[in-house]
Amino acid sequence: MSAGNLELARLAITGLSRKDRAEIIRELVPSTQPSQPTAPAVYSVKRTAAAFDKSVRFVHKLSAEGLLVRVVLPGRKTACGFTRESVEKLLVAGGGVS
């Protein structure tokens, strides 16, 4: 931007009210919040079993005990997997092995 244009911009901004300046700043500064909520990452039963180095049956047992959070898609009755957060949390806590 040239010096002349910069000076004109400064004069225009100083002539605005505080409310108008705040509105312009809100329009120019990108929002830090995501526009759409992100869906949780989903681990399949096989991937979860591989993460624990256990069988699929063991993973279903952890789910039945409530240690893994199941992800059920809208309109479905059965789960398609488990949330990444619940799998990682259980891995850090000791892998669900009692």
PDB file of N, CA and C in Angstrom:
ATOM      1  N   MET A   1       0.858  -1.163   0.000  1.00  0.00           N
ATOM      2  CA  MET A   1       0.000   0.000   0.000  1.00  0.00           C
ATOM      3  C   MET A   1       0.905   1.226   0.000  1.00  0.00           C
ATOM      4  N   SER A   2       0.555   2.183  -0.822  1.00  0.00           N
ATOM      5  CA  SER A   2       1.368   3.393  -0.908  1.00  0.00           C
ATOM      6  C   SER A   2       1.119   4.289   0.300  1.00  0.00           C
ATOM      7  N   ALA A   3       2.029   5.232   0.495  1.00  0.00           N
ATOM      8  CA  ALA A   3       1.929   6.128   1.649  1.00  0.00           C
ATOM      9  C   ALA A   3       0.670   6.987   1.571  1.00  0.00           C
ATOM     10  N   GLY A   4       0.296   7.405   0.363  1.00  0.00           N
ATOM     11  CA  GLY A   4      -0.905   8.230   0.196  1.00  0.00           C
ATOM     12  C   GLY A   4      -2.166   7.457   0.552  1.00  0.00           C
ATOM     13  N   ASN A   5      -2.243   6.214   0.084  1.00  0.00           N
ATOM     14  CA  ASN A   5      -3.413   5.388   0.401  1.00  0.00           C
ATOM     15  C   ASN A   5      -3.492   5.084   1.890  1.00  0.00           C
ATOM     16  N   LEU A   6      -2.338   4.858   2.497  1.00  0.00           N
ATOM     17  CA  LEU A   6      -2.301   4.577   3.932  1.00  0.00           C
ATOM     18  C   LEU A   6      -2.790   5.783   4.728  1.00  0.00           C
ATOM     19  N   GLU A   7      -2.388   6.971   4.313  1.00  0.00           N
ATOM     20  CA  GLU A   7      -2.819   8.192   5.002  1.00  0.00           C
ATOM     21  C   GLU A   7      -4.327   8.392   4.850  1.00  0.00           C
ATOM     22  N   LEU A   8      -4.871   8.138   3.661  1.00  0.00           N
ATOM     23  CA  LEU A   8      -6.312   8.249   3.448  1.00  0.00           C
ATOM     24  C   LEU A   8      -7.080   7.254   4.319  1.00  0.00           C
ATOM     25  N   ALA A   9      -6.551   6.039   4.442  1.00  0.00           N
ATOM     26  CA  ALA A   9      -7.195   5.026   5.275  1.00  0.00           C
ATOM     27  C   ALA A   9      -7.203   5.457   6.737  1.00  0.00           C
ATOM     28  N   ARG A  10      -6.086   6.013   7.195  1.00  0.00           N
ATOM     29  CA  ARG A  10      -6.007   6.493   8.586  1.00  0.00           C
ATOM     30  C   ARG A  10      -7.019   7.613   8.836  1.00  0.00           C
ATOM     31  N   LEU A  11      -7.116   8.555   7.897  1.00  0.00           N
ATOM     32  CA  LEU A  11      -8.069   9.658   8.055  1.00  0.00           C
ATOM     33  C   LEU A  11      -9.507   9.142   8.067  1.00  0.00           C
ATOM     34  N   ALA A  12      -9.795   8.163   7.214  1.00  0.00           N
ATOM     35  CA  ALA A  12     -11.145   7.609   7.162  1.00  0.00           C
ATOM     36  C   ALA A  12     -11.479   6.890   8.469  1.00  0.00           C
ATOM     37  N   ILE A  13     -10.518   6.173   9.006  1.00  0.00           N
ATOM     38  CA  ILE A  13     -10.760   5.428  10.241  1.00  0.00           C
ATOM     39  C   ILE A  13     -10.945   6.367  11.422  1.00  0.00           C
ATOM     40  N   THR A  14     -10.149   7.407  11.506  1.00  0.00           N
ATOM     41  CA  THR A  14     -10.273   8.333  12.634  1.00  0.00           C
ATOM     42  C   THR A  14     -11.595   9.091  12.588  1.00  0.00           C
ATOM     43  N   GLY A  15     -12.192   9.232  11.409  1.00  0.00           N
ATOM     44  CA  GLY A  15     -13.479   9.918  11.287  1.00  0.00           C
ATOM     45  C   GLY A  15     -14.663   9.049  11.673  1.00  0.00           C
ATOM     46  N   LEU A  16     -14.444   7.789  11.891  1.00  0.00           N
ATOM     47  CA  LEU A  16     -15.532   6.876  12.243  1.00  0.00           C
ATOM     48  C   LEU A  16     -15.777   6.861  13.744  1.00  0.00           C
ATOM     49  N   SER A  17     -16.985   6.492  14.119  1.00  0.00           N
ATOM     50  CA  SER A  17     -17.287   6.352  15.546  1.00  0.00           C
ATOM     51  C   SER A  17     -16.653   5.054  16.059  1.00  0.00           C
ATOM     52  N   ARG A  18     -16.580   4.953  17.362  1.00  0.00           N
ATOM     53  CA  ARG A  18     -15.980   3.757  17.979  1.00  0.00           C
ATOM     54  C   ARG A  18     -16.750   2.499  17.583  1.00  0.00           C
ATOM     55  N   LYS A  19     -18.068   2.608  17.532  1.00  0.00           N
ATOM     56  CA  LYS A  19     -18.915   1.472  17.164  1.00  0.00           C
ATOM     57  C   LYS A  19     -18.633   1.028  15.723  1.00  0.00           C
ATOM     58  N   ASP A  20     -18.514   1.989  14.810  1.00  0.00           N
ATOM     59  CA  ASP A  20     -18.240   1.659  13.411  1.00  0.00           C
ATOM     60  C   ASP A  20     -16.857   1.025  13.242  1.00  0.00           C
ATOM     61  N   ARG A  21     -15.874   1.548  13.974  1.00  0.00           N
ATOM     62  CA  ARG A  21     -14.522   0.952  13.899  1.00  0.00           C
ATOM     63  C   ARG A  21     -14.539  -0.486  14.389  1.00  0.00           C
ATOM     64  N   ALA A  22     -15.262  -0.739  15.490  1.00  0.00           N
ATOM     65  CA  ALA A  22     -15.344  -2.099  16.017  1.00  0.00           C
ATOM     66  C   ALA A  22     -16.010  -3.033  15.010  1.00  0.00           C
ATOM     67  N   GLU A  23     -17.037  -2.549  14.321  1.00  0.00           N
ATOM     68  CA  GLU A  23     -17.725  -3.358  13.309  1.00  0.00           C
ATOM     69  C   GLU A  23     -16.787  -3.693  12.148  1.00  0.00           C
ATOM     70  N   ILE A  24     -16.011  -2.743  11.708  1.00  0.00           N
ATOM     71  CA  ILE A  24     -15.057  -2.984  10.609  1.00  0.00           C
ATOM     72  C   ILE A  24     -14.002  -3.994  11.036  1.00  0.00           C
ATOM     73  N   ILE A  25     -13.515  -3.870  12.254  1.00  0.00           N
ATOM     74  CA  ILE A  25     -12.504  -4.816  12.740  1.00  0.00           C
ATOM     75  C   ILE A  25     -13.072  -6.224  12.802  1.00  0.00           C
ATOM     76  N   ARG A  26     -14.330  -6.351  13.269  1.00  0.00           N
ATOM     77  CA  ARG A  26     -14.961  -7.681  13.315  1.00  0.00           C
ATOM     78  C   ARG A  26     -15.088  -8.286  11.925  1.00  0.00           C
ATOM     79  N   GLU A  27     -15.369  -7.482  10.927  1.00  0.00           N
ATOM     80  CA  GLU A  27     -15.494  -7.987   9.565  1.00  0.00           C
ATOM     81  C   GLU A  27     -14.150  -8.358   8.961  1.00  0.00           C
ATOM     82  N   LEU A  28     -13.103  -7.624   9.313  1.00  0.00           N
ATOM     83  CA  LEU A  28     -11.793  -7.854   8.713  1.00  0.00           C
ATOM     84  C   LEU A  28     -11.011  -8.979   9.379  1.00  0.00           C
ATOM     85  N   VAL A  29     -11.184  -9.148  10.682  1.00  0.00           N
ATOM     86  CA  VAL A  29     -10.439 -10.164  11.411  1.00  0.00           C
ATOM     87  C   VAL A  29     -11.192 -11.489  11.300  1.00  0.00           C
ATOM     88  N   PRO A  30     -10.518 -12.537  10.824  1.00  0.00           N
ATOM     89  CA  PRO A  30     -11.206 -13.822  10.691  1.00  0.00           C
ATOM     90  C   PRO A  30     -11.574 -14.382  12.057  1.00  0.00           C
ATOM     91  N   SER A  31     -12.693 -15.070  12.087  1.00  0.00           N
ATOM     92  CA  SER A  31     -13.176 -15.670  13.324  1.00  0.00           C
ATOM     93  C   SER A  31     -12.277 -16.824  13.726  1.00  0.00           C
ATOM     94  N   THR A  32     -12.018 -16.964  15.023  1.00  0.00           N
ATOM     95  CA  THR A  32     -11.185 -18.064  15.508  1.00  0.00           C
ATOM     96  C   THR A  32     -12.021 -19.299  15.808  1.00  0.00           C
ATOM     97  N   GLN A  33     -13.343 -19.152  15.807  1.00  0.00           N
ATOM     98  CA  GLN A  33     -14.205 -20.284  16.092  1.00  0.00           C
ATOM     99  C   GLN A  33     -14.518 -21.018  14.793  1.00  0.00           C
ATOM    100  N   PRO A  34     -14.520 -22.338  14.831  1.00  0.00           N
ATOM    101  CA  PRO A  34     -14.864 -23.079  13.617  1.00  0.00           C
ATOM    102  C   PRO A  34     -16.324 -22.850  13.248  1.00  0.00           C
ATOM    103  N   SER A  35     -16.603 -22.769  11.957  1.00  0.00           N
ATOM    104  CA  SER A  35     -17.957 -22.503  11.518  1.00  0.00           C
ATOM    105  C   SER A  35     -18.864 -23.715  11.734  1.00  0.00           C
ATOM    106  N   GLN A  36     -18.331 -24.911  11.596  1.00  0.00           N
ATOM    107  CA  GLN A  36     -19.088 -26.137  11.801  1.00  0.00           C
ATOM    108  C   GLN A  36     -18.434 -26.929  12.925  1.00  0.00           C
ATOM    109  N   PRO A  37     -19.213 -27.488  13.832  1.00  0.00           N
ATOM    110  CA  PRO A  37     -18.598 -28.335  14.852  1.00  0.00           C
ATOM    111  C   PRO A  37     -18.004 -29.574  14.183  1.00  0.00           C
ATOM    112  N   THR A  38     -16.825 -29.947  14.620  1.00  0.00           N
ATOM    113  CA  THR A  38     -16.165 -31.092  14.017  1.00  0.00           C
ATOM    114  C   THR A  38     -16.681 -32.380  14.637  1.00  0.00           C
ATOM    115  N   ALA A  39     -16.857 -33.357  13.806  1.00  0.00           N
ATOM    116  CA  ALA A  39     -17.326 -34.664  14.280  1.00  0.00           C
ATOM    117  C   ALA A  39     -16.176 -35.395  14.955  1.00  0.00           C
ATOM    118  N   PRO A  40     -16.470 -36.172  15.973  1.00  0.00           N
ATOM    119  CA  PRO A  40     -15.397 -36.905  16.635  1.00  0.00           C
ATOM    120  C   PRO A  40     -14.823 -37.983  15.721  1.00  0.00           C
ATOM    121  N   ALA A  41     -13.541 -38.201  15.831  1.00  0.00           N
ATOM    122  CA  ALA A  41     -12.916 -39.269  15.062  1.00  0.00           C
ATOM    123  C   ALA A  41     -13.417 -40.605  15.584  1.00  0.00           C
ATOM    124  N   VAL A  42     -13.674 -41.525  14.680  1.00  0.00           N
ATOM    125  CA  VAL A  42     -14.260 -42.808  15.044  1.00  0.00           C
ATOM    126  C   VAL A  42     -13.272 -43.920  14.713  1.00  0.00           C
ATOM    127  N   TYR A  43     -13.013 -44.770  15.691  1.00  0.00           N
ATOM    128  CA  TYR A  43     -12.193 -45.963  15.492  1.00  0.00           C
ATOM    129  C   TYR A  43     -13.128 -47.143  15.279  1.00  0.00           C
ATOM    130  N   SER A  44     -12.869 -47.931  14.253  1.00  0.00           N
ATOM    131  CA  SER A  44     -13.662 -49.135  14.045  1.00  0.00           C
ATOM    132  C   SER A  44     -13.318 -50.149  15.142  1.00  0.00           C
ATOM    133  N   VAL A  45     -14.125 -51.204  15.217  1.00  0.00           N
ATOM    134  CA  VAL A  45     -13.887 -52.233  16.228  1.00  0.00           C
ATOM    135  C   VAL A  45     -12.536 -52.903  15.971  1.00  0.00           C
ATOM    136  N   LYS A  46     -12.241 -53.181  14.705  1.00  0.00           N
ATOM    137  CA  LYS A  46     -10.964 -53.836  14.386  1.00  0.00           C
ATOM    138  C   LYS A  46      -9.777 -52.932  14.707  1.00  0.00           C
ATOM    139  N   ARG A  47      -9.905 -51.642  14.385  1.00  0.00           N
ATOM    140  CA  ARG A  47      -8.809 -50.713  14.679  1.00  0.00           C
ATOM    141  C   ARG A  47      -8.608 -50.565  16.183  1.00  0.00           C
ATOM    142  N   THR A  48      -9.710 -50.538  16.936  1.00  0.00           N
ATOM    143  CA  THR A  48      -9.624 -50.450  18.386  1.00  0.00           C
ATOM    144  C   THR A  48      -8.960 -51.697  18.956  1.00  0.00           C
ATOM    145  N   ALA A  49      -9.333 -52.867  18.435  1.00  0.00           N
ATOM    146  CA  ALA A  49      -8.722 -54.122  18.895  1.00  0.00           C
ATOM    147  C   ALA A  49      -7.229 -54.113  18.604  1.00  0.00           C
ATOM    148  N   ALA A  50      -6.835 -53.605  17.449  1.00  0.00           N
ATOM    149  CA  ALA A  50      -5.413 -53.534  17.106  1.00  0.00           C
ATOM    150  C   ALA A  50      -4.674 -52.569  18.026  1.00  0.00           C
ATOM    151  N   ALA A  51      -5.326 -51.473  18.398  1.00  0.00           N
ATOM    152  CA  ALA A  51      -4.696 -50.498  19.302  1.00  0.00           C
ATOM    153  C   ALA A  51      -4.417 -51.116  20.665  1.00  0.00           C
ATOM    154  N   PHE A  52      -5.325 -51.962  21.133  1.00  0.00           N
ATOM    155  CA  PHE A  52      -5.146 -52.628  22.421  1.00  0.00           C
ATOM    156  C   PHE A  52      -4.347 -53.922  22.297  1.00  0.00           C
ATOM    157  N   ASP A  53      -4.094 -54.362  21.070  1.00  0.00           N
ATOM    158  CA  ASP A  53      -3.433 -55.643  20.800  1.00  0.00           C
ATOM    159  C   ASP A  53      -4.224 -56.779  21.449  1.00  0.00           C
ATOM    160  N   LYS A  54      -5.540 -56.695  21.277  1.00  0.00           N
ATOM    161  CA  LYS A  54      -6.475 -57.679  21.840  1.00  0.00           C
ATOM    162  C   LYS A  54      -7.454 -58.094  20.753  1.00  0.00           C
ATOM    163  N   SER A  55      -8.381 -58.960  21.113  1.00  0.00           N
ATOM    164  CA  SER A  55      -9.375 -59.450  20.162  1.00  0.00           C
ATOM    165  C   SER A  55     -10.561 -58.488  20.067  1.00  0.00           C
ATOM    166  N   VAL A  56     -11.354 -58.688  19.010  1.00  0.00           N
ATOM    167  CA  VAL A  56     -12.573 -57.910  18.834  1.00  0.00           C
ATOM    168  C   VAL A  56     -13.537 -58.188  19.982  1.00  0.00           C
ATOM    169  N   ARG A  57     -13.558 -59.423  20.443  1.00  0.00           N
ATOM    170  CA  ARG A  57     -14.432 -59.783  21.560  1.00  0.00           C
ATOM    171  C   ARG A  57     -14.071 -58.982  22.820  1.00  0.00           C
ATOM    172  N   PHE A  58     -12.776 -58.791  23.058  1.00  0.00           N
ATOM    173  CA  PHE A  58     -12.320 -58.004  24.201  1.00  0.00           C
ATOM    174  C   PHE A  58     -12.821 -56.566  24.095  1.00  0.00           C
ATOM    175  N   VAL A  59     -12.777 -56.002  22.887  1.00  0.00           N
ATOM    176  CA  VAL A  59     -13.235 -54.627  22.674  1.00  0.00           C
ATOM    177  C   VAL A  59     -14.734 -54.524  22.955  1.00  0.00           C
ATOM    178  N   HIS A  60     -15.508 -55.507  22.501  1.00  0.00           N
ATOM    179  CA  HIS A  60     -16.941 -55.504  22.779  1.00  0.00           C
ATOM    180  C   HIS A  60     -17.208 -55.612  24.281  1.00  0.00           C
ATOM    181  N   LYS A  61     -16.363 -56.346  24.984  1.00  0.00           N
ATOM    182  CA  LYS A  61     -16.498 -56.457  26.443  1.00  0.00           C
ATOM    183  C   LYS A  61     -16.245 -55.099  27.106  1.00  0.00           C
ATOM    184  N   LEU A  62     -15.223 -54.387  26.644  1.00  0.00           N
ATOM    185  CA  LEU A  62     -14.946 -53.048  27.185  1.00  0.00           C
ATOM    186  C   LEU A  62     -16.122 -52.115  26.926  1.00  0.00           C
ATOM    187  N   SER A  63     -16.721 -52.244  25.764  1.00  0.00           N
ATOM    188  CA  SER A  63     -17.870 -51.419  25.427  1.00  0.00           C
ATOM    189  C   SER A  63     -19.058 -51.748  26.329  1.00  0.00           C
ATOM    190  N   ALA A  64     -19.283 -53.025  26.566  1.00  0.00           N
ATOM    191  CA  ALA A  64     -20.391 -53.441  27.422  1.00  0.00           C
ATOM    192  C   ALA A  64     -20.203 -52.955  28.853  1.00  0.00           C
ATOM    193  N   GLU A  65     -18.950 -52.845  29.280  1.00  0.00           N
ATOM    194  CA  GLU A  65     -18.655 -52.348  30.625  1.00  0.00           C
ATOM    195  C   GLU A  65     -18.723 -50.822  30.703  1.00  0.00           C
ATOM    196  N   GLY A  66     -18.901 -50.174  29.564  1.00  0.00           N
ATOM    197  CA  GLY A  66     -19.009 -48.718  29.537  1.00  0.00           C
ATOM    198  C   GLY A  66     -17.688 -47.989  29.516  1.00  0.00           C
ATOM    199  N   LEU A  67     -16.599 -48.697  29.222  1.00  0.00           N
ATOM    200  CA  LEU A  67     -15.283 -48.079  29.209  1.00  0.00           C
ATOM    201  C   LEU A  67     -14.969 -47.404  27.876  1.00  0.00           C
ATOM    202  N   LEU A  68     -15.682 -47.777  26.823  1.00  0.00           N
ATOM    203  CA  LEU A  68     -15.513 -47.153  25.513  1.00  0.00           C
ATOM    204  C   LEU A  68     -16.831 -46.498  25.101  1.00  0.00           C
ATOM    205  N   VAL A  69     -16.744 -45.314  24.504  1.00  0.00           N
ATOM    206  CA  VAL A  69     -17.925 -44.579  24.065  1.00  0.00           C
ATOM    207  C   VAL A  69     -18.253 -44.993  22.633  1.00  0.00           C
ATOM    208  N   ARG A  70     -19.441 -45.593  22.453  1.00  0.00           N
ATOM    209  CA  ARG A  70     -19.862 -46.033  21.128  1.00  0.00           C
ATOM    210  C   ARG A  70     -20.367 -44.855  20.309  1.00  0.00           C
ATOM    211  N   VAL A  71     -20.168 -44.927  19.004  1.00  0.00           N
ATOM    212  CA  VAL A  71     -20.677 -43.917  18.088  1.00  0.00           C
ATOM    213  C   VAL A  71     -21.778 -44.562  17.257  1.00  0.00           C
ATOM    214  N   VAL A  72     -22.986 -44.028  17.393  1.00  0.00           N
ATOM    215  CA  VAL A  72     -24.133 -44.529  16.633  1.00  0.00           C
ATOM    216  C   VAL A  72     -24.552 -43.435  15.661  1.00  0.00           C
ATOM    217  N   LEU A  73     -24.596 -43.759  14.391  1.00  0.00           N
ATOM    218  CA  LEU A  73     -24.992 -42.793  13.375  1.00  0.00           C
ATOM    219  C   LEU A  73     -26.500 -42.566  13.420  1.00  0.00           C
ATOM    220  N   PRO A  74     -26.952 -41.383  13.024  1.00  0.00           N
ATOM    221  CA  PRO A  74     -28.388 -41.095  13.028  1.00  0.00           C
ATOM    222  C   PRO A  74     -29.156 -42.095  12.168  1.00  0.00           C
ATOM    223  N   GLY A  75     -30.264 -42.580  12.695  1.00  0.00           N
ATOM    224  CA  GLY A  75     -31.095 -43.524  11.974  1.00  0.00           C
ATOM    225  C   GLY A  75     -30.638 -44.969  12.108  1.00  0.00           C
ATOM    226  N   ARG A  76     -29.575 -45.203  12.840  1.00  0.00           N
ATOM    227  CA  ARG A  76     -29.060 -46.560  13.026  1.00  0.00           C
ATOM    228  C   ARG A  76     -29.292 -47.007  14.457  1.00  0.00           C
ATOM    229  N   LYS A  77     -29.284 -48.327  14.647  1.00  0.00           N
ATOM    230  CA  LYS A  77     -29.445 -48.877  15.987  1.00  0.00           C
ATOM    231  C   LYS A  77     -28.137 -49.423  16.538  1.00  0.00           C
ATOM    232  N   THR A  78     -27.240 -49.806  15.647  1.00  0.00           N
ATOM    233  CA  THR A  78     -25.972 -50.368  16.093  1.00  0.00           C
ATOM    234  C   THR A  78     -24.847 -49.354  15.911  1.00  0.00           C
ATOM    235  N   ALA A  79     -23.831 -49.505  16.704  1.00  0.00           N
ATOM    236  CA  ALA A  79     -22.702 -48.581  16.660  1.00  0.00           C
ATOM    237  C   ALA A  79     -21.812 -48.890  15.467  1.00  0.00           C
ATOM    238  N   CYS A  80     -21.112 -47.845  14.984  1.00  0.00           N
ATOM    239  CA  CYS A  80     -20.182 -48.040  13.879  1.00  0.00           C
ATOM    240  C   CYS A  80     -18.739 -48.035  14.383  1.00  0.00           C
ATOM    241  N   GLY A  81     -18.544 -47.768  15.672  1.00  0.00           N
ATOM    242  CA  GLY A  81     -17.196 -47.753  16.235  1.00  0.00           C
ATOM    243  C   GLY A  81     -17.185 -47.027  17.564  1.00  0.00           C
ATOM    244  N   PHE A  82     -15.995 -46.545  17.916  1.00  0.00           N
ATOM    245  CA  PHE A  82     -15.802 -45.881  19.204  1.00  0.00           C
ATOM    246  C   PHE A  82     -15.093 -44.557  18.988  1.00  0.00           C
ATOM    247  N   THR A  83     -15.325 -43.607  19.890  1.00  0.00           N
ATOM    248  CA  THR A  83     -14.668 -42.307  19.755  1.00  0.00           C
ATOM    249  C   THR A  83     -13.176 -42.440  20.011  1.00  0.00           C
ATOM    250  N   ARG A  84     -12.413 -41.673  19.253  1.00  0.00           N
ATOM    251  CA  ARG A  84     -10.955 -41.683  19.405  1.00  0.00           C
ATOM    252  C   ARG A  84     -10.565 -41.294  20.825  1.00  0.00           C
ATOM    253  N   GLU A  85     -11.278 -40.312  21.381  1.00  0.00           N
ATOM    254  CA  GLU A  85     -10.945 -39.837  22.723  1.00  0.00           C
ATOM    255  C   GLU A  85     -11.085 -40.936  23.765  1.00  0.00           C
ATOM    256  N   SER A  86     -12.162 -41.727  23.674  1.00  0.00           N
ATOM    257  CA  SER A  86     -12.353 -42.779  24.671  1.00  0.00           C
ATOM    258  C   SER A  86     -11.316 -43.884  24.520  1.00  0.00           C
ATOM    259  N   VAL A  87     -10.941 -44.197  23.278  1.00  0.00           N
ATOM    260  CA  VAL A  87      -9.922 -45.237  23.051  1.00  0.00           C
ATOM    261  C   VAL A  87      -8.580 -44.773  23.599  1.00  0.00           C
ATOM    262  N   GLU A  88      -8.184 -43.543  23.261  1.00  0.00           N
ATOM    263  CA  GLU A  88      -6.889 -43.033  23.720  1.00  0.00           C
ATOM    264  C   GLU A  88      -6.860 -42.874  25.243  1.00  0.00           C
ATOM    265  N   LYS A  89      -7.970 -42.437  25.806  1.00  0.00           N
ATOM    266  CA  LYS A  89      -8.039 -42.270  27.265  1.00  0.00           C
ATOM    267  C   LYS A  89      -7.853 -43.613  27.971  1.00  0.00           C
ATOM    268  N   LEU A  90      -8.481 -44.648  27.447  1.00  0.00           N
ATOM    269  CA  LEU A  90      -8.373 -45.975  28.054  1.00  0.00           C
ATOM    270  C   LEU A  90      -6.973 -46.559  27.856  1.00  0.00           C
ATOM    271  N   LEU A  91      -6.368 -46.281  26.707  1.00  0.00           N
ATOM    272  CA  LEU A  91      -4.998 -46.760  26.473  1.00  0.00           C
ATOM    273  C   LEU A  91      -4.031 -46.137  27.477  1.00  0.00           C
ATOM    274  N   VAL A  92      -4.191 -44.838  27.712  1.00  0.00           N
ATOM    275  CA  VAL A  92      -3.312 -44.134  28.657  1.00  0.00           C
ATOM    276  C   VAL A  92      -3.541 -44.636  30.084  1.00  0.00           C
ATOM    277  N   ALA A  93      -4.815 -44.954  30.387  1.00  0.00           N
ATOM    278  CA  ALA A  93      -5.155 -45.385  31.745  1.00  0.00           C
ATOM    279  C   ALA A  93      -4.734 -46.819  32.051  1.00  0.00           C
ATOM    280  N   GLY A  94      -4.325 -47.560  31.050  1.00  0.00           N
ATOM    281  CA  GLY A  94      -3.859 -48.928  31.337  1.00  0.00           C
ATOM    282  C   GLY A  94      -4.435 -49.969  30.417  1.00  0.00           C
ATOM    283  N   GLY A  95      -5.168 -49.547  29.423  1.00  0.00           N
ATOM    284  CA  GLY A  95      -5.636 -50.503  28.432  1.00  0.00           C
ATOM    285  C   GLY A  95      -6.826 -51.323  28.807  1.00  0.00           C
ATOM    286  N   GLY A  96      -7.502 -51.034  29.894  1.00  0.00           N
ATOM    287  CA  GLY A  96      -8.700 -51.766  30.257  1.00  0.00           C
ATOM    288  C   GLY A  96      -8.441 -53.173  30.752  1.00  0.00           C
ATOM    289  N   VAL A  97      -7.176 -53.505  30.969  1.00  0.00           N
ATOM    290  CA  VAL A  97      -6.850 -54.856  31.453  1.00  0.00           C
ATOM    291  C   VAL A  97      -6.948 -54.857  32.958  1.00  0.00           C
ATOM    292  N   SER A  98      -7.774 -55.772  33.495  1.00  0.00           N
ATOM    293  CA  SER A  98      -7.906 -55.840  34.951  1.00  0.00           C
ATOM    294  C   SER A  98      -7.136 -56.992  35.527  1.00  0.00           C
TER     295      SER A  98
END
